[in-house]
Amino acid sequence: MEQFGDYKQADQFFIGAPLANIGVPKYALLFGWIGGSFKNVEKYAQYYRNKGFTVYITLSEHKNIVLAGEGKESLAFFDTLIQELSSHDLVSPKTQPAATTAPPKHTQKLVLHLFSNGGCIKLRHFLHCLDAQGMKLESKAVILDSCPGHASMASGSHFMTVGIKNSVARVVARNGVYASLQVANVINKGCAMVGLPWGDMSKHPIEVSALYAVSEKNADGNATGPRLFLYSDEDKLCQAEEVQEWIAVCKAEGIVVEEKMFVGSEHVKHAVVHKEEYWALVTSFLEKLI
């Protein structure tokens, strides 16, 4: 492993040791948003390290959407991370051998913190890698920041123009992208009607990955534990209505859900605009579970 500041870097993830010794071992696994740098995602890790957690950070890239959509994600991608988590009993075999005594309960505490649709896509990939090895994740809680959303034209037009700095140019480009997506959608529906190949948006990586964030009934891997949804009325990439639809799916399964819709903060900016309230909600949520 290489050093990265006071973190260790191993393949596709970073490890941060706890900065406080508080009770039993605790762990947090952070899945960053697409394009989110280590510097930006690490700011969230500081909270966990100061609370006595060992932190694992994995970043997301734009190519993750393409690889997921084409079904070309490597099932060996997370091998080193799985080995690391296995050493702390944070993953376990999906099927336990027959025994005369009950297996020991897992006392380790693992929290998942997902950011945006990119974090959900990365989680799905990770769970698939675990499943390929016949393993499952032993998570106690899941926090969802600005996710999940839908693969909609409105969200897509904002996502594809988010990097344009000039506000006027960004609006013009966004309107152009939205119009193009509308045309593509009409053509897509026409192809479906006459039996030609078409793109089924329900199979878009954003849509299928969302289920791994909100459901515990996936055949090929699940994150378990109560959910805390943190979203905003001003988020244009994962809009409040979209997140609320996924919250309803989560509740329908009987999963314990807490949620907070912030006012005025943009995508993955809730912890910046509402810093004290954001972390107070996280603390209150975790104190009931960890």
C-alpha atoms as a PDB file:
ATOM      1  CA  MET A   1       0.000   0.000   0.000  1.00  0.00           C
ATOM      2  CA  GLU A   2       1.107   3.568  -0.731  1.00  0.00           C
ATOM      3  CA  GLN A   3       0.771   6.563   1.578  1.00  0.00           C
ATOM      4  CA  PHE A   4      -1.543   9.408   0.527  1.00  0.00           C
ATOM      5  CA  GLY A   5      -1.221  12.005   3.249  1.00  0.00           C
ATOM      6  CA  ASP A   6      -2.191  10.101   6.383  1.00  0.00           C
ATOM      7  CA  TYR A   7      -4.234   7.688   4.247  1.00  0.00           C
ATOM      8  CA  LYS A   8      -3.062   4.443   2.745  1.00  0.00           C
ATOM      9  CA  GLN A   9      -3.922   3.880  -0.910  1.00  0.00           C
ATOM     10  CA  ALA A  10      -4.540   0.332  -2.085  1.00  0.00           C
ATOM     11  CA  ASP A  11      -5.611  -0.229  -5.687  1.00  0.00           C
ATOM     12  CA  GLN A  12      -8.959   1.527  -6.092  1.00  0.00           C
ATOM     13  CA  PHE A  13      -9.576   2.762  -2.547  1.00  0.00           C
ATOM     14  CA  PHE A  14      -8.101   4.727   0.346  1.00  0.00           C
ATOM     15  CA  ILE A  15      -7.943   3.771   4.039  1.00  0.00           C
ATOM     16  CA  GLY A  16      -8.044   6.336   6.832  1.00  0.00           C
ATOM     17  CA  ALA A  17      -7.324   5.202  10.389  1.00  0.00           C
ATOM     18  CA  PRO A  18      -9.558   6.395  13.242  1.00  0.00           C
ATOM     19  CA  LEU A  19      -8.436   9.582  14.975  1.00  0.00           C
ATOM     20  CA  ALA A  20     -10.205   8.686  18.216  1.00  0.00           C
ATOM     21  CA  ASN A  21     -10.556   5.462  20.192  1.00  0.00           C
ATOM     22  CA  ILE A  22     -14.253   5.143  20.962  1.00  0.00           C
ATOM     23  CA  GLY A  23     -15.597   1.710  21.964  1.00  0.00           C
ATOM     24  CA  VAL A  24     -15.797  -1.246  19.591  1.00  0.00           C
ATOM     25  CA  PRO A  25     -14.274  -1.082  16.091  1.00  0.00           C
ATOM     26  CA  LYS A  26     -16.390   0.906  13.640  1.00  0.00           C
ATOM     27  CA  TYR A  27     -16.044   1.269   9.892  1.00  0.00           C
ATOM     28  CA  ALA A  28     -17.411   3.597   7.210  1.00  0.00           C
ATOM     29  CA  LEU A  29     -17.353   2.885   3.479  1.00  0.00           C
ATOM     30  CA  LEU A  30     -17.804   6.005   1.337  1.00  0.00           C
ATOM     31  CA  PHE A  31     -18.795   5.808  -2.345  1.00  0.00           C
ATOM     32  CA  GLY A  32     -18.062   9.177  -3.969  1.00  0.00           C
ATOM     33  CA  TRP A  33     -20.000  10.993  -6.667  1.00  0.00           C
ATOM     34  CA  ILE A  34     -18.939  10.946 -10.319  1.00  0.00           C
ATOM     35  CA  GLY A  35     -16.014  13.296 -10.784  1.00  0.00           C
ATOM     36  CA  GLY A  36     -15.665  13.865  -7.044  1.00  0.00           C
ATOM     37  CA  SER A  37     -11.979  14.175  -6.146  1.00  0.00           C
ATOM     38  CA  PHE A  38     -10.331  12.500  -3.175  1.00  0.00           C
ATOM     39  CA  LYS A  39      -9.928  15.947  -1.607  1.00  0.00           C
ATOM     40  CA  ASN A  40     -13.672  16.620  -1.750  1.00  0.00           C
ATOM     41  CA  VAL A  41     -14.888  13.191  -0.648  1.00  0.00           C
ATOM     42  CA  GLU A  42     -12.300  13.053   2.140  1.00  0.00           C
ATOM     43  CA  LYS A  43     -13.957  16.045   3.820  1.00  0.00           C
ATOM     44  CA  TYR A  44     -16.852  13.738   4.711  1.00  0.00           C
ATOM     45  CA  ALA A  45     -14.460  11.063   5.955  1.00  0.00           C
ATOM     46  CA  GLN A  46     -13.089  13.457   8.585  1.00  0.00           C
ATOM     47  CA  TYR A  47     -16.364  13.239  10.511  1.00  0.00           C
ATOM     48  CA  TYR A  48     -16.140   9.461  10.734  1.00  0.00           C
ATOM     49  CA  ARG A  49     -12.462   9.356  11.645  1.00  0.00           C
ATOM     50  CA  ASN A  50     -13.041  11.836  14.464  1.00  0.00           C
ATOM     51  CA  LYS A  51     -15.818   9.554  15.728  1.00  0.00           C
ATOM     52  CA  GLY A  52     -13.482   6.552  15.902  1.00  0.00           C
ATOM     53  CA  PHE A  53     -14.267   4.969  12.520  1.00  0.00           C
ATOM     54  CA  THR A  54     -11.823   3.373  10.127  1.00  0.00           C
ATOM     55  CA  VAL A  55     -12.753   4.881   6.767  1.00  0.00           C
ATOM     56  CA  TYR A  56     -12.619   3.409   3.269  1.00  0.00           C
ATOM     57  CA  ILE A  57     -13.055   5.795   0.334  1.00  0.00           C
ATOM     58  CA  THR A  58     -13.755   4.709  -3.230  1.00  0.00           C
ATOM     59  CA  LEU A  59     -14.134   7.299  -5.985  1.00  0.00           C
ATOM     60  CA  SER A  60     -16.410   7.333  -9.031  1.00  0.00           C
ATOM     61  CA  GLU A  61     -15.555   8.294 -12.604  1.00  0.00           C
ATOM     62  CA  HIS A  62     -17.611   9.105 -15.690  1.00  0.00           C
ATOM     63  CA  LYS A  63     -16.496   5.865 -17.328  1.00  0.00           C
ATOM     64  CA  ASN A  64     -18.292   3.907 -14.590  1.00  0.00           C
ATOM     65  CA  ILE A  65     -21.631   4.756 -16.228  1.00  0.00           C
ATOM     66  CA  VAL A  66     -20.418   3.490 -19.601  1.00  0.00           C
ATOM     67  CA  LEU A  67     -18.925   0.290 -18.196  1.00  0.00           C
ATOM     68  CA  ALA A  68     -22.079  -0.424 -16.194  1.00  0.00           C
ATOM     69  CA  GLY A  69     -24.298   0.227 -19.212  1.00  0.00           C
ATOM     70  CA  GLU A  70     -22.242  -2.095 -21.406  1.00  0.00           C
ATOM     71  CA  GLY A  71     -21.961  -4.793 -18.743  1.00  0.00           C
ATOM     72  CA  LYS A  72     -18.165  -4.576 -18.828  1.00  0.00           C
ATOM     73  CA  GLU A  73     -17.430  -3.986 -15.144  1.00  0.00           C
ATOM     74  CA  SER A  74     -14.651  -6.239 -13.883  1.00  0.00           C
ATOM     75  CA  LEU A  75     -15.730  -8.617 -11.124  1.00  0.00           C
ATOM     76  CA  ALA A  76     -12.149  -8.553  -9.827  1.00  0.00           C
ATOM     77  CA  PHE A  77     -12.103  -4.760  -9.477  1.00  0.00           C
ATOM     78  CA  PHE A  78     -12.714  -4.755  -5.708  1.00  0.00           C
ATOM     79  CA  ASP A  79     -10.677  -7.853  -4.793  1.00  0.00           C
ATOM     80  CA  THR A  80      -8.263  -5.966  -2.539  1.00  0.00           C
ATOM     81  CA  LEU A  81     -11.052  -4.086  -0.771  1.00  0.00           C
ATOM     82  CA  ILE A  82     -12.975  -7.323  -0.234  1.00  0.00           C
ATOM     83  CA  GLN A  83      -9.878  -8.920   1.290  1.00  0.00           C
ATOM     84  CA  GLU A  84      -9.472  -5.916   3.584  1.00  0.00           C
ATOM     85  CA  LEU A  85     -13.105  -6.007   4.708  1.00  0.00           C
ATOM     86  CA  SER A  86     -12.953  -9.781   5.162  1.00  0.00           C
ATOM     87  CA  SER A  87     -10.081  -9.355   7.615  1.00  0.00           C
ATOM     88  CA  HIS A  88     -12.460  -7.346   9.823  1.00  0.00           C
ATOM     89  CA  ASP A  89     -15.467  -9.686   9.373  1.00  0.00           C
ATOM     90  CA  LEU A  90     -17.363  -6.997   7.459  1.00  0.00           C
ATOM     91  CA  VAL A  91     -18.267  -9.472   4.722  1.00  0.00           C
ATOM     92  CA  SER A  92     -19.291 -13.088   5.157  1.00  0.00           C
ATOM     93  CA  PRO A  93     -20.230 -16.144   3.058  1.00  0.00           C
ATOM     94  CA  LYS A  94     -23.726 -15.968   1.573  1.00  0.00           C
ATOM     95  CA  THR A  95     -24.343 -19.561   2.624  1.00  0.00           C
ATOM     96  CA  GLN A  96     -23.158 -20.782   6.007  1.00  0.00           C
ATOM     97  CA  PRO A  97     -22.127 -24.451   6.486  1.00  0.00           C
ATOM     98  CA  ALA A  98     -24.388 -26.579   8.643  1.00  0.00           C
ATOM     99  CA  ALA A  99     -23.458 -26.367  12.313  1.00  0.00           C
ATOM    100  CA  THR A 100     -24.809 -27.539  15.631  1.00  0.00           C
ATOM    101  CA  THR A 101     -24.385 -24.089  17.154  1.00  0.00           C
ATOM    102  CA  ALA A 102     -25.490 -20.717  15.865  1.00  0.00           C
ATOM    103  CA  PRO A 103     -22.780 -18.682  14.100  1.00  0.00           C
ATOM    104  CA  PRO A 104     -21.381 -15.773  16.120  1.00  0.00           C
ATOM    105  CA  LYS A 105     -23.071 -12.426  15.679  1.00  0.00           C
ATOM    106  CA  HIS A 106     -21.113  -9.721  13.903  1.00  0.00           C
ATOM    107  CA  THR A 107     -20.163  -7.074  16.440  1.00  0.00           C
ATOM    108  CA  GLN A 108     -18.370  -4.848  13.949  1.00  0.00           C
ATOM    109  CA  LYS A 109     -20.243  -1.758  12.844  1.00  0.00           C
ATOM    110  CA  LEU A 110     -20.198  -0.837   9.149  1.00  0.00           C
ATOM    111  CA  VAL A 111     -21.847   2.293   7.740  1.00  0.00           C
ATOM    112  CA  LEU A 112     -22.266   2.979   4.021  1.00  0.00           C
ATOM    113  CA  HIS A 113     -22.345   6.601   2.862  1.00  0.00           C
ATOM    114  CA  LEU A 114     -23.370   7.044  -0.778  1.00  0.00           C
ATOM    115  CA  PHE A 115     -23.112  10.237  -2.792  1.00  0.00           C
ATOM    116  CA  SER A 116     -25.232  10.886  -5.880  1.00  0.00           C
ATOM    117  CA  ASN A 117     -26.092   8.369  -8.582  1.00  0.00           C
ATOM    118  CA  GLY A 118     -22.388   7.696  -9.080  1.00  0.00           C
ATOM    119  CA  GLY A 119     -22.146   6.346  -5.549  1.00  0.00           C
ATOM    120  CA  CYS A 120     -25.108   4.039  -6.200  1.00  0.00           C
ATOM    121  CA  ILE A 121     -23.532   2.755  -9.423  1.00  0.00           C
ATOM    122  CA  LYS A 122     -20.284   2.069  -7.570  1.00  0.00           C
ATOM    123  CA  LEU A 123     -22.156   0.288  -4.762  1.00  0.00           C
ATOM    124  CA  ARG A 124     -23.894  -1.982  -7.278  1.00  0.00           C
ATOM    125  CA  HIS A 125     -20.535  -2.865  -8.841  1.00  0.00           C
ATOM    126  CA  PHE A 126     -19.075  -3.623  -5.406  1.00  0.00           C
ATOM    127  CA  LEU A 127     -22.016  -5.849  -4.440  1.00  0.00           C
ATOM    128  CA  HIS A 128     -21.699  -7.736  -7.735  1.00  0.00           C
ATOM    129  CA  CYS A 129     -18.017  -8.351  -7.010  1.00  0.00           C
ATOM    130  CA  LEU A 130     -18.913  -9.686  -3.570  1.00  0.00           C
ATOM    131  CA  ASP A 131     -21.645 -11.900  -4.993  1.00  0.00           C
ATOM    132  CA  ALA A 132     -19.229 -13.353  -7.561  1.00  0.00           C
ATOM    133  CA  GLN A 133     -17.123 -14.564  -4.627  1.00  0.00           C
ATOM    134  CA  GLY A 134     -20.144 -15.956  -2.785  1.00  0.00           C
ATOM    135  CA  MET A 135     -19.913 -13.198  -0.185  1.00  0.00           C
ATOM    136  CA  LYS A 136     -22.350 -10.707   1.308  1.00  0.00           C
ATOM    137  CA  LEU A 137     -21.942  -7.348   3.024  1.00  0.00           C
ATOM    138  CA  GLU A 138     -22.566  -6.925   6.762  1.00  0.00           C
ATOM    139  CA  SER A 139     -23.749  -3.297   6.845  1.00  0.00           C
ATOM    140  CA  LYS A 140     -25.645  -1.753   9.748  1.00  0.00           C
ATOM    141  CA  ALA A 141     -26.786   1.529   8.180  1.00  0.00           C
ATOM    142  CA  VAL A 142     -26.917   3.300   4.815  1.00  0.00           C
ATOM    143  CA  ILE A 143     -26.764   7.080   4.320  1.00  0.00           C
ATOM    144  CA  LEU A 144     -27.780   8.440   0.916  1.00  0.00           C
ATOM    145  CA  ASP A 145     -26.681  11.976   0.054  1.00  0.00           C
ATOM    146  CA  SER A 146     -28.349  13.459  -3.051  1.00  0.00           C
ATOM    147  CA  CYS A 147     -29.507  10.081  -4.342  1.00  0.00           C
ATOM    148  CA  PRO A 148     -30.862   8.085  -5.935  1.00  0.00           C
ATOM    149  CA  GLY A 149     -32.497   9.868  -8.840  1.00  0.00           C
ATOM    150  CA  HIS A 150     -33.814   8.836 -12.235  1.00  0.00           C
ATOM    151  CA  ALA A 151     -32.328   8.725 -15.723  1.00  0.00           C
ATOM    152  CA  SER A 152     -34.618  11.567 -16.798  1.00  0.00           C
ATOM    153  CA  MET A 153     -34.208  14.207 -19.499  1.00  0.00           C
ATOM    154  CA  ALA A 154     -34.261  17.018 -16.940  1.00  0.00           C
ATOM    155  CA  SER A 155     -31.591  15.448 -14.745  1.00  0.00           C
ATOM    156  CA  GLY A 156     -29.559  14.352 -17.766  1.00  0.00           C
ATOM    157  CA  SER A 157     -29.446  17.841 -19.276  1.00  0.00           C
ATOM    158  CA  HIS A 158     -28.155  19.251 -15.990  1.00  0.00           C
ATOM    159  CA  PHE A 159     -25.598  16.461 -15.578  1.00  0.00           C
ATOM    160  CA  MET A 160     -24.163  16.892 -19.072  1.00  0.00           C
ATOM    161  CA  THR A 161     -23.698  20.657 -18.651  1.00  0.00           C
ATOM    162  CA  VAL A 162     -22.650  20.874 -15.005  1.00  0.00           C
ATOM    163  CA  GLY A 163     -19.016  21.538 -15.948  1.00  0.00           C
ATOM    164  CA  ILE A 164     -19.768  24.739 -17.912  1.00  0.00           C
ATOM    165  CA  LYS A 165     -18.661  27.651 -15.724  1.00  0.00           C
ATOM    166  CA  ASN A 166     -20.381  30.531 -17.535  1.00  0.00           C
ATOM    167  CA  SER A 167     -23.989  30.630 -16.324  1.00  0.00           C
ATOM    168  CA  VAL A 168     -25.441  31.966 -19.587  1.00  0.00           C
ATOM    169  CA  ALA A 169     -23.565  29.424 -21.694  1.00  0.00           C
ATOM    170  CA  ARG A 170     -24.626  26.676 -19.289  1.00  0.00           C
ATOM    171  CA  VAL A 171     -28.330  27.550 -19.644  1.00  0.00           C
ATOM    172  CA  VAL A 172     -28.077  27.689 -23.447  1.00  0.00           C
ATOM    173  CA  ALA A 173     -26.232  24.368 -23.550  1.00  0.00           C
ATOM    174  CA  ARG A 174     -28.668  22.780 -21.104  1.00  0.00           C
ATOM    175  CA  ASN A 175     -31.670  23.795 -23.205  1.00  0.00           C
ATOM    176  CA  GLY A 176     -29.955  22.422 -26.296  1.00  0.00           C
ATOM    177  CA  VAL A 177     -29.193  19.117 -24.598  1.00  0.00           C
ATOM    178  CA  TYR A 178     -32.750  18.859 -23.282  1.00  0.00           C
ATOM    179  CA  ALA A 179     -34.170  19.456 -26.775  1.00  0.00           C
ATOM    180  CA  SER A 180     -31.831  16.817 -28.206  1.00  0.00           C
ATOM    181  CA  LEU A 181     -32.919  14.334 -25.559  1.00  0.00           C
ATOM    182  CA  GLN A 182     -36.562  15.026 -26.384  1.00  0.00           C
ATOM    183  CA  VAL A 183     -35.936  14.294 -30.066  1.00  0.00           C
ATOM    184  CA  ALA A 184     -34.021  11.133 -29.171  1.00  0.00           C
ATOM    185  CA  ASN A 185     -36.883  10.064 -26.919  1.00  0.00           C
ATOM    186  CA  VAL A 186     -39.441  10.471 -29.720  1.00  0.00           C
ATOM    187  CA  ILE A 187     -37.244   8.459 -32.105  1.00  0.00           C
ATOM    188  CA  ASN A 188     -36.720   5.847 -29.407  1.00  0.00           C
ATOM    189  CA  LYS A 189     -40.459   5.415 -28.873  1.00  0.00           C
ATOM    190  CA  GLY A 190     -41.027   5.201 -32.619  1.00  0.00           C
ATOM    191  CA  CYS A 191     -38.451   2.425 -32.928  1.00  0.00           C
ATOM    192  CA  ALA A 192     -40.108   0.518 -30.100  1.00  0.00           C
ATOM    193  CA  MET A 193     -43.509   0.749 -31.792  1.00  0.00           C
ATOM    194  CA  VAL A 194     -42.271  -0.792 -35.056  1.00  0.00           C
ATOM    195  CA  GLY A 195     -40.060  -3.409 -33.433  1.00  0.00           C
ATOM    196  CA  LEU A 196     -36.684  -1.824 -34.138  1.00  0.00           C
ATOM    197  CA  PRO A 197     -33.871  -1.821 -31.553  1.00  0.00           C
ATOM    198  CA  TRP A 198     -34.440   0.833 -28.911  1.00  0.00           C
ATOM    199  CA  GLY A 199     -32.976   2.031 -25.650  1.00  0.00           C
ATOM    200  CA  ASP A 200     -34.945   0.919 -22.609  1.00  0.00           C
ATOM    201  CA  MET A 201     -34.299   3.663 -20.036  1.00  0.00           C
ATOM    202  CA  SER A 202     -35.491   1.393 -17.234  1.00  0.00           C
ATOM    203  CA  LYS A 203     -32.228  -0.505 -17.812  1.00  0.00           C
ATOM    204  CA  HIS A 204     -30.049   2.596 -17.586  1.00  0.00           C
ATOM    205  CA  PRO A 205     -27.276   2.193 -14.950  1.00  0.00           C
ATOM    206  CA  ILE A 206     -28.821   4.975 -12.853  1.00  0.00           C
ATOM    207  CA  GLU A 207     -32.153   3.145 -12.694  1.00  0.00           C
ATOM    208  CA  VAL A 208     -30.878  -0.371 -12.011  1.00  0.00           C
ATOM    209  CA  SER A 209     -28.243   0.818  -9.521  1.00  0.00           C
ATOM    210  CA  ALA A 210     -30.819   2.725  -7.486  1.00  0.00           C
ATOM    211  CA  LEU A 211     -32.430  -0.562  -6.458  1.00  0.00           C
ATOM    212  CA  TYR A 212     -29.198  -1.658  -4.784  1.00  0.00           C
ATOM    213  CA  ALA A 213     -29.317   1.488  -2.658  1.00  0.00           C
ATOM    214  CA  VAL A 214     -32.972   1.251  -1.593  1.00  0.00           C
ATOM    215  CA  SER A 215     -33.859  -2.462  -1.723  1.00  0.00           C
ATOM    216  CA  GLU A 216     -32.721  -5.550   0.170  1.00  0.00           C
ATOM    217  CA  LYS A 217     -34.302  -8.008  -2.262  1.00  0.00           C
ATOM    218  CA  ASN A 218     -31.680  -8.051  -5.017  1.00  0.00           C
ATOM    219  CA  ALA A 219     -30.615 -11.563  -5.994  1.00  0.00           C
ATOM    220  CA  ASP A 220     -26.974 -10.593  -6.542  1.00  0.00           C
ATOM    221  CA  GLY A 221     -26.085  -8.524  -3.502  1.00  0.00           C
ATOM    222  CA  ASN A 222     -27.597  -6.156  -0.953  1.00  0.00           C
ATOM    223  CA  ALA A 223     -26.716  -3.363   1.413  1.00  0.00           C
ATOM    224  CA  THR A 224     -28.640  -3.834   4.646  1.00  0.00           C
ATOM    225  CA  GLY A 225     -29.778  -1.608   7.472  1.00  0.00           C
ATOM    226  CA  PRO A 226     -31.974   1.460   8.012  1.00  0.00           C
ATOM    227  CA  ARG A 227     -31.647   4.298   5.505  1.00  0.00           C
ATOM    228  CA  LEU A 228     -31.119   8.026   5.976  1.00  0.00           C
ATOM    229  CA  PHE A 229     -31.961  10.076   2.868  1.00  0.00           C
ATOM    230  CA  LEU A 230     -30.488  13.590   2.684  1.00  0.00           C
ATOM    231  CA  TYR A 231     -31.699  15.598  -0.318  1.00  0.00           C
ATOM    232  CA  SER A 232     -32.824  19.075  -1.347  1.00  0.00           C
ATOM    233  CA  ASP A 233     -35.566  21.043  -3.054  1.00  0.00           C
ATOM    234  CA  GLU A 234     -32.918  22.777  -5.211  1.00  0.00           C
ATOM    235  CA  ASP A 235     -31.045  19.701  -6.443  1.00  0.00           C
ATOM    236  CA  LYS A 236     -31.336  19.579 -10.237  1.00  0.00           C
ATOM    237  CA  LEU A 237     -29.358  16.351 -10.771  1.00  0.00           C
ATOM    238  CA  CYS A 238     -31.266  14.165  -8.305  1.00  0.00           C
ATOM    239  CA  GLN A 239     -34.499  16.050  -7.887  1.00  0.00           C
ATOM    240  CA  ALA A 240     -36.522  15.834  -4.682  1.00  0.00           C
ATOM    241  CA  GLU A 241     -39.475  14.153  -6.391  1.00  0.00           C
ATOM    242  CA  GLU A 242     -37.196  11.456  -7.801  1.00  0.00           C
ATOM    243  CA  VAL A 243     -35.580  10.748  -4.435  1.00  0.00           C
ATOM    244  CA  GLN A 244     -39.008  10.602  -2.797  1.00  0.00           C
ATOM    245  CA  GLU A 245     -40.141   7.977  -5.302  1.00  0.00           C
ATOM    246  CA  TRP A 246     -37.207   5.779  -4.275  1.00  0.00           C
ATOM    247  CA  ILE A 247     -37.919   6.452  -0.598  1.00  0.00           C
ATOM    248  CA  ALA A 248     -41.415   5.059  -1.185  1.00  0.00           C
ATOM    249  CA  VAL A 249     -39.887   1.898  -2.687  1.00  0.00           C
ATOM    250  CA  CYS A 250     -37.661   1.542   0.362  1.00  0.00           C
ATOM    251  CA  LYS A 251     -40.531   2.005   2.810  1.00  0.00           C
ATOM    252  CA  ALA A 252     -42.699  -0.467   0.887  1.00  0.00           C
ATOM    253  CA  GLU A 253     -40.158  -3.182   1.733  1.00  0.00           C
ATOM    254  CA  GLY A 254     -40.490  -2.369   5.411  1.00  0.00           C
ATOM    255  CA  ILE A 255     -37.005  -0.884   5.685  1.00  0.00           C
ATOM    256  CA  VAL A 256     -36.669   1.743   8.419  1.00  0.00           C
ATOM    257  CA  VAL A 257     -36.281   5.145   6.754  1.00  0.00           C
ATOM    258  CA  GLU A 258     -35.363   8.599   7.992  1.00  0.00           C
ATOM    259  CA  GLU A 259     -35.232  11.542   5.623  1.00  0.00           C
ATOM    260  CA  LYS A 260     -34.511  15.241   5.443  1.00  0.00           C
ATOM    261  CA  MET A 261     -35.241  17.569   2.545  1.00  0.00           C
ATOM    262  CA  PHE A 262     -32.984  20.588   2.888  1.00  0.00           C
ATOM    263  CA  VAL A 263     -33.985  23.966   1.488  1.00  0.00           C
ATOM    264  CA  GLY A 264     -31.762  25.826  -0.936  1.00  0.00           C
ATOM    265  CA  SER A 265     -28.702  23.565  -1.203  1.00  0.00           C
ATOM    266  CA  GLU A 266     -27.518  22.219  -4.546  1.00  0.00           C
ATOM    267  CA  HIS A 267     -26.390  18.717  -5.485  1.00  0.00           C
ATOM    268  CA  VAL A 268     -24.005  17.170  -2.881  1.00  0.00           C
ATOM    269  CA  LYS A 269     -23.741  20.585  -1.206  1.00  0.00           C
ATOM    270  CA  HIS A 270     -26.041  19.918   1.754  1.00  0.00           C
ATOM    271  CA  ALA A 271     -23.137  19.352   4.157  1.00  0.00           C
ATOM    272  CA  VAL A 272     -21.669  22.677   3.024  1.00  0.00           C
ATOM    273  CA  VAL A 273     -24.781  24.865   3.160  1.00  0.00           C
ATOM    274  CA  HIS A 274     -26.342  23.131   6.179  1.00  0.00           C
ATOM    275  CA  LYS A 275     -23.196  21.809   7.856  1.00  0.00           C
ATOM    276  CA  GLU A 276     -24.336  21.689  11.494  1.00  0.00           C
ATOM    277  CA  GLU A 277     -27.785  20.288  10.732  1.00  0.00           C
ATOM    278  CA  TYR A 278     -26.400  17.740   8.262  1.00  0.00           C
ATOM    279  CA  TRP A 279     -23.964  16.193  10.719  1.00  0.00           C
ATOM    280  CA  ALA A 280     -26.425  16.432  13.607  1.00  0.00           C
ATOM    281  CA  LEU A 281     -28.846  14.314  11.564  1.00  0.00           C
ATOM    282  CA  VAL A 282     -26.112  11.794  10.732  1.00  0.00           C
ATOM    283  CA  THR A 283     -25.053  11.607  14.387  1.00  0.00           C
ATOM    284  CA  SER A 284     -28.613  11.121  15.641  1.00  0.00           C
ATOM    285  CA  PHE A 285     -29.240   8.432  13.025  1.00  0.00           C
ATOM    286  CA  LEU A 286     -26.068   6.472  13.763  1.00  0.00           C
ATOM    287  CA  GLU A 287     -26.358   6.684  17.552  1.00  0.00           C
ATOM    288  CA  LYS A 288     -29.472   4.514  17.320  1.00  0.00           C
ATOM    289  CA  LEU A 289     -27.663   1.832  15.321  1.00  0.00           C
ATOM    290  CA  ILE A 290     -23.916   1.860  15.940  1.00  0.00           C
END
